[in-house]
Amino acid sequence: MAANDWLSHYGPDGSTVASRAEAAGYTGWIYLAENLYRGYYGDPADSIIQAWSDSATHLSSMLSGQATEIGVACAVSGDYRWCVQEFGAR
């Protein structure tokens, strides 16, 4: 996402959260959710979590009782930090 400067659950190539997870080897899932963030490089981690928490949809993903696994990644590109949380259950 950072390399291509896009922020969406749907890729410019038509990919989806599910298709990207499966392409990365995360198969057999029964639950899958994704939170995305793009902000300035200097944003502290707690402000990123707060931004997700301020959104009912994102907070629901973080607190989901269905998720048993999580993956988190951040990348920096230019002045921006891009972060992704992936929640799943298999």
N, C-alpha and C. Protein backbone atom coordinates (compact mmCIF):
# COMPACT_ATOMS: atom_id res chain seq x y z
N MET A 1 0.82 -1.19 0.00
CA MET A 1 0.00 0.00 0.00
C MET A 1 0.86 1.25 0.00
N ALA A 2 1.88 1.27 0.86
CA ALA A 2 2.75 2.44 0.93
C ALA A 2 3.48 2.65 -0.39
N ALA A 3 3.97 1.56 -0.97
CA ALA A 3 4.74 1.67 -2.21
C ALA A 3 3.89 2.20 -3.36
N ASN A 4 2.58 1.91 -3.32
CA ASN A 4 1.70 2.33 -4.41
C ASN A 4 0.78 3.49 -4.03
N ASP A 5 0.96 4.02 -2.82
CA ASP A 5 0.20 5.18 -2.35
C ASP A 5 -1.31 5.00 -2.47
N TRP A 6 -1.81 3.87 -1.96
CA TRP A 6 -3.25 3.66 -1.89
C TRP A 6 -3.59 3.11 -0.52
N LEU A 7 -4.77 3.44 -0.05
CA LEU A 7 -5.23 2.99 1.26
C LEU A 7 -6.68 2.56 1.12
N SER A 8 -6.87 1.27 1.00
CA SER A 8 -8.22 0.74 0.81
C SER A 8 -8.21 -0.75 1.09
N HIS A 9 -9.35 -1.26 1.48
CA HIS A 9 -9.49 -2.70 1.68
C HIS A 9 -9.56 -3.42 0.33
N TYR A 10 -9.71 -2.65 -0.74
CA TYR A 10 -9.74 -3.21 -2.09
C TYR A 10 -8.55 -2.68 -2.86
N GLY A 11 -7.75 -3.58 -3.42
CA GLY A 11 -6.55 -3.18 -4.13
C GLY A 11 -6.84 -2.66 -5.53
N PRO A 12 -5.95 -1.84 -6.06
CA PRO A 12 -6.13 -1.33 -7.43
C PRO A 12 -6.12 -2.46 -8.46
N ASP A 13 -5.60 -3.62 -8.06
CA ASP A 13 -5.59 -4.80 -8.93
C ASP A 13 -6.83 -5.66 -8.75
N GLY A 14 -7.80 -5.21 -7.94
CA GLY A 14 -9.01 -5.97 -7.70
C GLY A 14 -8.92 -6.92 -6.51
N SER A 15 -7.77 -6.92 -5.84
CA SER A 15 -7.61 -7.81 -4.69
C SER A 15 -8.47 -7.36 -3.52
N THR A 16 -8.76 -8.31 -2.64
CA THR A 16 -9.55 -8.05 -1.44
C THR A 16 -8.75 -8.48 -0.22
N VAL A 17 -9.26 -8.17 0.95
CA VAL A 17 -8.62 -8.62 2.19
C VAL A 17 -8.43 -10.14 2.12
N ALA A 18 -9.47 -10.84 1.75
CA ALA A 18 -9.42 -12.31 1.70
C ALA A 18 -8.42 -12.81 0.67
N SER A 19 -8.43 -12.23 -0.52
CA SER A 19 -7.51 -12.73 -1.55
C SER A 19 -6.05 -12.45 -1.19
N ARG A 20 -5.78 -11.30 -0.56
CA ARG A 20 -4.41 -11.00 -0.15
C ARG A 20 -3.96 -11.90 0.99
N ALA A 21 -4.86 -12.17 1.94
CA ALA A 21 -4.51 -13.06 3.05
C ALA A 21 -4.19 -14.45 2.52
N GLU A 22 -5.02 -14.95 1.63
CA GLU A 22 -4.79 -16.29 1.09
C GLU A 22 -3.53 -16.33 0.23
N ALA A 23 -3.25 -15.28 -0.53
CA ALA A 23 -2.03 -15.23 -1.33
C ALA A 23 -0.78 -15.25 -0.44
N ALA A 24 -0.92 -14.72 0.79
CA ALA A 24 0.19 -14.70 1.74
C ALA A 24 0.29 -16.01 2.53
N GLY A 25 -0.62 -16.96 2.24
CA GLY A 25 -0.56 -18.26 2.91
C GLY A 25 -1.52 -18.42 4.07
N TYR A 26 -2.34 -17.43 4.34
CA TYR A 26 -3.32 -17.52 5.44
C TYR A 26 -4.59 -18.12 4.87
N THR A 27 -4.69 -19.45 4.94
CA THR A 27 -5.82 -20.16 4.36
C THR A 27 -6.62 -20.87 5.44
N GLY A 28 -7.78 -21.33 5.07
CA GLY A 28 -8.63 -22.06 6.00
C GLY A 28 -9.26 -21.18 7.06
N TRP A 29 -9.32 -19.91 6.82
CA TRP A 29 -9.85 -18.98 7.82
C TRP A 29 -11.37 -19.05 7.86
N ILE A 30 -11.91 -18.76 9.06
CA ILE A 30 -13.36 -18.67 9.24
C ILE A 30 -13.77 -17.26 9.66
N TYR A 31 -12.79 -16.45 10.00
CA TYR A 31 -13.03 -15.05 10.34
C TYR A 31 -11.85 -14.24 9.84
N LEU A 32 -12.14 -13.08 9.26
CA LEU A 32 -11.08 -12.21 8.75
C LEU A 32 -11.56 -10.76 8.80
N ALA A 33 -10.73 -9.89 9.35
CA ALA A 33 -11.03 -8.45 9.40
C ALA A 33 -9.73 -7.68 9.26
N GLU A 34 -9.84 -6.44 8.83
CA GLU A 34 -8.65 -5.63 8.57
C GLU A 34 -8.89 -4.19 9.00
N ASN A 35 -7.90 -3.61 9.67
CA ASN A 35 -7.88 -2.18 9.99
C ASN A 35 -6.70 -1.54 9.30
N LEU A 36 -6.92 -0.39 8.68
CA LEU A 36 -5.86 0.32 7.96
C LEU A 36 -5.68 1.71 8.56
N TYR A 37 -4.47 2.21 8.44
CA TYR A 37 -4.16 3.55 8.95
C TYR A 37 -3.09 4.18 8.07
N ARG A 38 -3.25 5.45 7.79
CA ARG A 38 -2.19 6.23 7.17
C ARG A 38 -2.16 7.58 7.88
N GLY A 39 -1.00 7.94 8.40
CA GLY A 39 -0.84 9.21 9.08
C GLY A 39 0.60 9.65 8.98
N TYR A 40 0.90 10.76 9.61
CA TYR A 40 2.26 11.29 9.53
C TYR A 40 3.25 10.38 10.26
N TYR A 41 4.46 10.36 9.75
CA TYR A 41 5.51 9.49 10.27
C TYR A 41 5.69 9.64 11.78
N GLY A 42 5.56 10.86 12.30
CA GLY A 42 5.80 11.11 13.71
C GLY A 42 4.64 10.75 14.63
N ASP A 43 3.51 10.29 14.08
CA ASP A 43 2.38 9.93 14.93
C ASP A 43 2.78 8.81 15.89
N PRO A 44 2.59 8.99 17.19
CA PRO A 44 2.94 7.93 18.14
C PRO A 44 1.94 6.77 18.05
N ALA A 45 2.40 5.60 18.44
CA ALA A 45 1.57 4.39 18.34
C ALA A 45 0.25 4.55 19.08
N ASP A 46 0.25 5.19 20.23
CA ASP A 46 -1.00 5.32 20.98
C ASP A 46 -2.03 6.17 20.23
N SER A 47 -1.58 7.10 19.41
CA SER A 47 -2.54 7.89 18.65
C SER A 47 -3.14 7.08 17.50
N ILE A 48 -2.37 6.14 16.98
CA ILE A 48 -2.88 5.26 15.93
C ILE A 48 -3.95 4.35 16.52
N ILE A 49 -3.67 3.75 17.66
CA ILE A 49 -4.65 2.89 18.34
C ILE A 49 -5.89 3.71 18.71
N GLN A 50 -5.69 4.95 19.15
CA GLN A 50 -6.83 5.80 19.49
C GLN A 50 -7.69 6.10 18.27
N ALA A 51 -7.06 6.34 17.14
CA ALA A 51 -7.81 6.59 15.91
C ALA A 51 -8.68 5.39 15.55
N TRP A 52 -8.12 4.19 15.64
CA TRP A 52 -8.91 2.99 15.39
C TRP A 52 -10.02 2.85 16.43
N SER A 53 -9.71 3.13 17.68
CA SER A 53 -10.69 2.98 18.76
C SER A 53 -11.84 3.97 18.63
N ASP A 54 -11.59 5.12 18.03
CA ASP A 54 -12.63 6.13 17.85
C ASP A 54 -13.63 5.76 16.76
N SER A 55 -13.35 4.73 16.01
CA SER A 55 -14.24 4.25 14.96
C SER A 55 -14.91 2.96 15.44
N ALA A 56 -16.24 2.95 15.44
CA ALA A 56 -16.97 1.77 15.91
C ALA A 56 -16.60 0.53 15.11
N THR A 57 -16.44 0.66 13.81
CA THR A 57 -16.11 -0.49 12.97
C THR A 57 -14.72 -1.02 13.28
N HIS A 58 -13.74 -0.13 13.40
CA HIS A 58 -12.38 -0.57 13.69
C HIS A 58 -12.27 -1.14 15.11
N LEU A 59 -12.93 -0.50 16.04
CA LEU A 59 -12.91 -1.00 17.42
C LEU A 59 -13.54 -2.39 17.49
N SER A 60 -14.61 -2.59 16.74
CA SER A 60 -15.25 -3.90 16.70
C SER A 60 -14.28 -4.98 16.23
N SER A 61 -13.47 -4.67 15.24
CA SER A 61 -12.46 -5.63 14.77
C SER A 61 -11.45 -5.94 15.87
N MET A 62 -11.00 -4.89 16.57
CA MET A 62 -9.98 -5.07 17.61
C MET A 62 -10.51 -5.86 18.80
N LEU A 63 -11.80 -5.72 19.09
CA LEU A 63 -12.37 -6.38 20.26
C LEU A 63 -13.14 -7.66 19.92
N SER A 64 -13.11 -8.05 18.66
CA SER A 64 -13.88 -9.20 18.23
C SER A 64 -13.52 -10.46 19.01
N GLY A 65 -14.53 -11.12 19.51
CA GLY A 65 -14.32 -12.40 20.17
C GLY A 65 -14.08 -13.52 19.18
N GLN A 66 -14.30 -13.25 17.90
CA GLN A 66 -14.09 -14.27 16.87
C GLN A 66 -12.62 -14.41 16.49
N ALA A 67 -11.86 -13.33 16.59
CA ALA A 67 -10.46 -13.36 16.18
C ALA A 67 -9.62 -14.12 17.21
N THR A 68 -8.80 -15.02 16.71
CA THR A 68 -7.87 -15.76 17.57
C THR A 68 -6.42 -15.51 17.17
N GLU A 69 -6.22 -14.81 16.05
CA GLU A 69 -4.87 -14.51 15.57
C GLU A 69 -4.84 -13.07 15.06
N ILE A 70 -3.67 -12.46 15.13
CA ILE A 70 -3.53 -11.09 14.66
C ILE A 70 -2.16 -10.92 14.01
N GLY A 71 -2.13 -10.11 12.97
CA GLY A 71 -0.89 -9.69 12.36
C GLY A 71 -0.90 -8.18 12.27
N VAL A 72 0.21 -7.55 12.58
CA VAL A 72 0.30 -6.09 12.57
C VAL A 72 1.59 -5.70 11.85
N ALA A 73 1.49 -4.70 11.00
CA ALA A 73 2.68 -4.21 10.29
C ALA A 73 2.55 -2.72 10.05
N CYS A 74 3.68 -2.05 10.05
CA CYS A 74 3.74 -0.63 9.69
C CYS A 74 4.90 -0.42 8.73
N ALA A 75 4.73 0.51 7.83
CA ALA A 75 5.78 0.88 6.89
C ALA A 75 5.82 2.40 6.79
N VAL A 76 6.98 2.92 6.47
CA VAL A 76 7.13 4.37 6.30
C VAL A 76 7.46 4.63 4.84
N SER A 77 6.74 5.60 4.27
CA SER A 77 7.01 6.02 2.90
C SER A 77 6.86 7.54 2.86
N GLY A 78 7.95 8.21 2.57
CA GLY A 78 7.92 9.67 2.57
C GLY A 78 7.63 10.18 3.97
N ASP A 79 6.67 11.06 4.09
CA ASP A 79 6.30 11.62 5.38
C ASP A 79 5.22 10.81 6.09
N TYR A 80 4.83 9.68 5.53
CA TYR A 80 3.69 8.93 6.06
C TYR A 80 4.07 7.59 6.65
N ARG A 81 3.28 7.20 7.64
CA ARG A 81 3.37 5.86 8.22
C ARG A 81 2.08 5.14 7.84
N TRP A 82 2.22 3.95 7.35
CA TRP A 82 1.09 3.11 6.95
C TRP A 82 1.06 1.92 7.89
N CYS A 83 -0.09 1.64 8.48
CA CYS A 83 -0.20 0.52 9.41
C CYS A 83 -1.42 -0.32 9.05
N VAL A 84 -1.27 -1.62 9.26
CA VAL A 84 -2.32 -2.58 8.98
C VAL A 84 -2.43 -3.53 10.15
N GLN A 85 -3.66 -3.80 10.56
CA GLN A 85 -3.94 -4.87 11.51
C GLN A 85 -4.79 -5.89 10.76
N GLU A 86 -4.41 -7.15 10.83
CA GLU A 86 -5.19 -8.24 10.24
C GLU A 86 -5.63 -9.15 11.37
N PHE A 87 -6.91 -9.43 11.44
CA PHE A 87 -7.47 -10.29 12.48
C PHE A 87 -8.05 -11.52 11.80
N GLY A 88 -7.81 -12.68 12.38
CA GLY A 88 -8.35 -13.88 11.77
C GLY A 88 -8.57 -15.00 12.78
N ALA A 89 -9.23 -16.02 12.28
CA ALA A 89 -9.42 -17.26 13.03
C ALA A 89 -9.45 -18.39 12.02
N ARG A 90 -8.81 -19.50 12.37
CA ARG A 90 -8.83 -20.69 11.50
C ARG A 90 -9.37 -21.85 12.28
